[in-house]
Structures are given as structure tokens and as C-alpha cells.
Amino acid sequence: MDYVSALLPPVVMAVLFGGVIRVIVKTQGGANKAKEDAVVDAALARAEGARQASVRTDG
């Protein structure tokens, strides 16, 4: 019975890890991809604008 208690945690972790990978793969792309990409692009543009503004005020 010791071998069952020794193998159970790695097996459970492997199954959970497989589930996480499956969820990640299933949620990539799809109908919301364009909206998510637009949100990321807007956030990057804001960050770049803020960085350029701070460079102008420092210089």
C-alpha cells in the first residue's frame, strides 16, 4: 500500500497539469481574440505614451 501513497501525489499533479494545459489551449483565439488583442494594444500604447511623457519632462 506504500506504493499507492507514493504514486498518488505525482499522478494527481500530472492530471491537474494536463487540465490546466487543456484550458489554456481551449481559451486561445476564438471570438474574443480581437477584443483581447485590442485591450493589450491600448495598454501598451498608454504605457509607451506615459514613458515618452516622463522622458520629455525629465529632459
Protein backbone atom coordinates (compact mmCIF):
# COMPACT_ATOMS: atom_id res chain seq x y z
CA MET A 1 0.00 0.00 0.00
CA ASP A 2 3.01 2.29 0.38
CA TYR A 3 3.47 2.41 -3.39
CA VAL A 4 -0.05 3.82 -3.81
CA SER A 5 0.60 6.65 -1.35
CA ALA A 6 3.94 7.32 -3.06
CA LEU A 7 2.46 7.46 -6.58
CA LEU A 8 -0.79 9.29 -5.82
CA PRO A 9 0.58 12.88 -5.49
CA PRO A 10 2.54 12.82 -8.79
CA VAL A 11 -0.40 11.29 -10.64
CA VAL A 12 -2.82 13.88 -9.24
CA MET A 13 -0.43 16.69 -10.15
CA ALA A 14 0.00 15.32 -13.68
CA VAL A 15 -3.76 15.15 -14.18
CA LEU A 16 -4.26 18.69 -12.87
CA PHE A 17 -1.39 19.99 -15.01
CA GLY A 18 -2.96 18.34 -18.06
CA GLY A 19 -6.25 20.04 -17.23
CA VAL A 20 -4.57 23.44 -16.94
CA ILE A 21 -2.85 22.99 -20.30
CA ARG A 22 -6.16 21.93 -21.85
CA VAL A 23 -7.92 25.05 -20.55
CA ILE A 24 -5.11 27.29 -21.80
CA VAL A 25 -5.21 25.75 -25.26
CA LYS A 26 -9.01 25.92 -25.47
CA THR A 27 -9.13 29.60 -24.50
CA GLN A 28 -6.56 30.73 -27.07
CA GLY A 29 -8.08 32.52 -30.03
CA GLY A 30 -11.80 32.30 -30.51
CA ALA A 31 -14.38 35.05 -30.72
CA ASN A 32 -12.77 37.31 -28.10
CA LYS A 33 -9.25 37.24 -29.56
CA ALA A 34 -9.61 40.55 -31.43
CA LYS A 35 -11.09 42.26 -28.37
CA GLU A 36 -8.33 40.93 -26.09
CA ASP A 37 -5.66 41.99 -28.59
CA ALA A 38 -7.17 45.48 -28.75
CA VAL A 39 -7.10 45.79 -24.95
CA VAL A 40 -3.44 44.73 -24.83
CA ASP A 41 -2.53 47.12 -27.67
CA ALA A 42 -4.27 50.00 -25.86
CA ALA A 43 -2.47 49.23 -22.61
CA LEU A 44 0.89 49.11 -24.39
CA ALA A 45 0.15 52.40 -26.14
CA ARG A 46 -0.74 54.05 -22.81
CA ALA A 47 2.44 52.75 -21.20
CA GLU A 48 4.55 53.95 -24.12
CA GLY A 49 2.87 57.37 -24.03
CA ALA A 50 3.49 57.70 -20.32
CA ARG A 51 7.12 56.70 -20.76
CA GLN A 52 7.64 59.26 -23.52
CA ALA A 53 5.92 61.94 -21.44
CA SER A 54 8.22 61.26 -18.48
CA VAL A 55 11.27 61.41 -20.76
CA ARG A 56 10.15 64.80 -22.09
CA THR A 57 9.66 66.25 -18.59
CA ASP A 58 12.99 64.83 -17.35
CA GLY A 59 14.99 66.18 -20.28
